[in-house]
Amino acid sequence: MIISVHIPKTAGSTFQLILKKLFGKKYYHDDPIEGKEVPEDVQCIHGHFKATKYLEEFPGAMKIIWLRDPVDRFISEYYYRRDMASDRPDTRTAFIRAGASLEQITRSPMFHNMMTTFLDGVPLEDFDFIGLTEQFDRDIQRFFNMIGAVRVEWKDLLVNTSDEYKRAVSSIEPELVAKIKECNRQDIALYREGLVLTDV
């Protein structure tokens, strides 16, 4: 059994496509809105859930997580939520779509340290596989090697392609970067740990 925790904006959607190709009908997407029970014959679970969710149900499962530079992840999530089409936006999306700026969400705790929040107290070293978004090609091959799978192909890493997002990343003011770093100090420490653990 593989349990894959998808932290928002860490290449999890691309990884989901790969897992679907690898496991086919044995793949299960954990959707908190649908709230379905996990089928008995599933071999892989992937979705936006905290790392503690399946610890008791599948204690021997292989745990997988992808991390991303916290500043880049924070900015990407902002523009993704602002521009996403949804008739039932969650609290964070609704807050941004109501007009909150990137700077304003640095003052809203529900956006802070998202990666740490998803780990939910599970030590990073307890994961069997840690991938870095910035090293996706390298790390996805490590994943294939680890599970003994033949490499499957995918088109491209699914990334935010909006022109405004690209401009924001390239021209963000140092003062705003400092605010993003300040409100994501735990994630920055976590990411640094991930850099060490994935230094292959």
Protein backbone atom coordinates (compact mmCIF):
# COMPACT_ATOMS: atom_id res chain seq x y z
CA MET A 1 0.00 0.00 0.00
CA ILE A 2 1.19 3.50 -0.89
CA ILE A 3 -0.12 6.56 0.94
CA SER A 4 0.69 9.78 -0.93
CA VAL A 5 0.06 13.08 0.86
CA HIS A 6 -0.61 15.87 -1.63
CA ILE A 7 0.33 19.27 -0.23
CA PRO A 8 -1.21 21.96 -2.46
CA LYS A 9 1.06 23.30 -5.21
CA THR A 10 3.87 20.75 -4.86
CA ALA A 11 3.47 18.92 -8.19
CA GLY A 12 0.88 16.61 -6.65
CA SER A 13 -1.47 16.83 -9.65
CA THR A 14 1.29 15.63 -11.97
CA PHE A 15 2.18 12.89 -9.51
CA GLN A 16 -1.49 11.90 -9.38
CA LEU A 17 -1.54 11.35 -13.14
CA ILE A 18 1.55 9.15 -12.85
CA LEU A 19 0.07 7.13 -9.99
CA LYS A 20 -3.12 6.58 -11.98
CA LYS A 21 -1.08 5.19 -14.87
CA LEU A 22 0.90 2.94 -12.55
CA PHE A 23 -1.96 1.55 -10.48
CA GLY A 24 -5.02 1.85 -12.71
CA LYS A 25 -8.13 0.58 -10.90
CA LYS A 26 -6.01 -0.03 -7.78
CA TYR A 27 -5.58 3.76 -7.42
CA TYR A 28 -7.89 5.68 -5.08
CA HIS A 29 -8.21 9.46 -4.91
CA ASP A 30 -9.08 10.67 -1.44
CA ASP A 31 -11.69 13.40 -1.94
CA PRO A 32 -12.79 14.96 1.37
CA ILE A 33 -15.97 16.28 -0.23
CA GLU A 34 -17.16 12.86 -1.42
CA GLY A 35 -16.10 11.11 1.80
CA LYS A 36 -16.19 7.60 0.32
CA GLU A 37 -14.73 4.56 2.04
CA VAL A 38 -11.48 3.17 0.64
CA PRO A 39 -12.17 0.05 -1.48
CA GLU A 40 -10.58 -3.15 -0.19
CA ASP A 41 -8.43 -3.86 -3.25
CA VAL A 42 -6.75 -0.44 -3.42
CA GLN A 43 -2.96 -0.32 -3.55
CA CYS A 44 -2.41 3.45 -3.66
CA ILE A 45 -4.18 6.38 -1.96
CA HIS A 46 -3.42 9.97 -2.97
CA GLY A 47 -5.03 13.27 -2.02
CA HIS A 48 -5.18 16.40 0.09
CA PHE A 49 -5.20 14.85 3.57
CA LYS A 50 -2.99 15.07 6.63
CA ALA A 51 -0.21 12.53 7.03
CA THR A 52 -1.82 11.05 10.15
CA LYS A 53 -5.10 10.10 8.43
CA TYR A 54 -4.23 6.52 7.46
CA LEU A 55 -1.52 5.70 10.01
CA GLU A 56 -3.73 3.38 12.07
CA GLU A 57 -5.62 1.84 9.15
CA PHE A 58 -2.48 1.08 7.11
CA PRO A 59 0.43 1.05 9.59
CA GLY A 60 2.84 -0.65 7.17
CA ALA A 61 2.07 1.53 4.16
CA MET A 62 4.77 3.30 2.17
CA LYS A 63 4.42 7.02 2.94
CA ILE A 64 5.16 9.55 0.20
CA ILE A 65 5.29 13.34 0.18
CA TRP A 66 6.50 16.11 -2.14
CA LEU A 67 7.86 19.44 -0.89
CA ARG A 68 8.47 22.78 -2.58
CA ASP A 69 10.36 25.96 -1.79
CA PRO A 70 7.97 27.62 0.69
CA VAL A 71 8.05 31.08 -0.90
CA ASP A 72 7.34 29.73 -4.38
CA ARG A 73 4.63 27.40 -3.02
CA PHE A 74 2.93 30.24 -1.10
CA ILE A 75 2.82 32.53 -4.15
CA SER A 76 1.66 29.73 -6.44
CA GLU A 77 -1.17 28.79 -4.09
CA TYR A 78 -2.36 32.38 -3.92
CA TYR A 79 -2.70 32.74 -7.70
CA TYR A 80 -4.10 29.25 -8.11
CA ARG A 81 -6.87 29.87 -5.58
CA ARG A 82 -7.58 33.37 -6.90
CA ASP A 83 -8.05 32.16 -10.47
CA MET A 84 -9.59 28.72 -9.94
CA ALA A 85 -13.14 28.08 -11.12
CA SER A 86 -15.27 26.63 -8.35
CA ASP A 87 -18.90 26.93 -7.36
CA ARG A 88 -18.09 25.69 -3.86
CA PRO A 89 -14.83 27.39 -2.86
CA ASP A 90 -13.32 26.39 0.46
CA THR A 91 -12.52 28.96 3.15
CA ARG A 92 -9.07 29.88 1.87
CA THR A 93 -10.20 30.16 -1.74
CA ALA A 94 -13.24 32.26 -0.79
CA PHE A 95 -11.05 34.60 1.26
CA ILE A 96 -8.74 35.24 -1.70
CA ARG A 97 -11.53 35.50 -4.25
CA ALA A 98 -13.18 38.12 -2.01
CA GLY A 99 -10.26 40.38 -2.85
CA ALA A 100 -7.42 39.54 -0.45
CA SER A 101 -4.00 40.44 -1.79
CA LEU A 102 -0.86 38.34 -1.60
CA GLU A 103 0.40 40.62 1.14
CA GLN A 104 -2.85 40.30 3.09
CA ILE A 105 -2.67 36.51 3.25
CA THR A 106 0.74 36.78 4.92
CA ARG A 107 -1.27 38.08 7.87
CA SER A 108 -3.83 35.26 7.80
CA PRO A 109 -2.69 32.16 9.78
CA MET A 110 -4.80 29.73 7.73
CA PHE A 111 -2.31 30.17 4.86
CA HIS A 112 0.84 29.81 6.94
CA ASN A 113 3.15 26.77 7.08
CA MET A 114 0.94 24.63 4.87
CA MET A 115 3.50 21.87 4.42
CA THR A 116 4.00 21.56 8.18
CA THR A 117 0.23 21.51 8.65
CA PHE A 118 -0.16 18.56 6.28
CA LEU A 119 2.57 16.59 8.05
CA ASP A 120 0.49 16.96 11.22
CA GLY A 121 3.34 16.04 13.55
CA VAL A 122 4.67 13.11 11.50
CA PRO A 123 8.49 13.49 11.30
CA LEU A 124 9.76 14.01 7.78
CA GLU A 125 12.25 11.16 8.22
CA ASP A 126 9.31 8.77 8.74
CA PHE A 127 8.38 9.10 5.07
CA ASP A 128 9.66 6.37 2.78
CA PHE A 129 9.94 8.78 -0.12
CA ILE A 130 10.40 12.56 -0.18
CA GLY A 131 10.36 14.39 -3.49
CA LEU A 132 11.19 18.00 -4.30
CA THR A 133 9.13 19.86 -6.90
CA GLU A 134 12.26 21.66 -8.10
CA GLN A 135 13.92 18.29 -8.75
CA PHE A 136 10.87 16.53 -10.16
CA ASP A 137 12.57 14.68 -13.02
CA ARG A 138 15.33 13.41 -10.75
CA ASP A 139 13.04 12.47 -7.90
CA ILE A 140 10.31 10.81 -9.95
CA GLN A 141 12.98 8.47 -11.30
CA ARG A 142 14.03 7.73 -7.70
CA PHE A 143 10.38 6.87 -7.02
CA PHE A 144 10.16 4.50 -9.99
CA ASN A 145 13.38 2.81 -8.88
CA MET A 146 12.19 2.50 -5.29
CA ILE A 147 8.94 0.71 -6.16
CA GLY A 148 10.48 -1.28 -9.00
CA ALA A 149 8.22 0.23 -11.64
CA VAL A 150 8.89 0.81 -15.31
CA ARG A 151 8.99 4.54 -15.98
CA VAL A 152 5.71 5.88 -17.32
CA GLU A 153 5.61 9.01 -19.43
CA TRP A 154 3.64 12.17 -18.88
CA LYS A 155 3.40 15.34 -20.92
CA ASP A 156 4.77 18.08 -18.70
CA LEU A 157 4.88 19.12 -15.08
CA LEU A 158 1.55 20.83 -14.41
CA VAL A 159 2.47 24.36 -13.38
CA ASN A 160 0.75 27.71 -13.05
CA THR A 161 1.03 29.29 -16.50
CA SER A 162 -0.75 32.61 -15.88
CA ASP A 163 1.23 35.64 -17.02
CA GLU A 164 0.41 37.48 -13.81
CA TYR A 165 1.81 34.65 -11.71
CA LYS A 166 5.01 34.63 -13.78
CA ARG A 167 5.36 38.41 -13.39
CA ALA A 168 4.73 38.17 -9.65
CA VAL A 169 7.44 35.57 -9.17
CA SER A 170 9.98 37.53 -11.19
CA SER A 171 9.24 40.97 -9.77
CA ILE A 172 8.10 40.41 -6.19
CA GLU A 173 9.37 43.05 -3.77
CA PRO A 174 12.00 41.97 -1.22
CA GLU A 175 9.81 43.29 1.59
CA LEU A 176 6.98 40.96 0.57
CA VAL A 177 9.37 38.01 0.24
CA ALA A 178 10.51 38.75 3.80
CA LYS A 179 6.90 38.71 5.02
CA ILE A 180 6.24 35.38 3.26
CA LYS A 181 9.35 33.88 4.83
CA GLU A 182 8.41 35.18 8.25
CA CYS A 183 4.96 33.60 8.21
CA ASN A 184 6.33 30.31 6.88
CA ARG A 185 9.32 29.78 9.16
CA GLN A 186 8.31 26.23 10.03
CA ASP A 187 7.95 25.32 6.36
CA ILE A 188 11.35 26.83 5.59
CA ALA A 189 12.93 24.66 8.27
CA LEU A 190 11.02 21.64 6.95
CA TYR A 191 12.16 22.30 3.39
CA ARG A 192 15.77 22.60 4.49
CA GLU A 193 15.42 19.23 6.19
CA GLY A 194 13.98 17.85 2.97
CA LEU A 195 16.98 19.14 1.02
CA VAL A 196 19.27 17.19 3.33
CA LEU A 197 17.20 14.00 3.24
CA THR A 198 16.97 14.03 -0.58
CA ASP A 199 20.62 14.90 -1.20
CA VAL A 200 21.44 11.95 -3.43
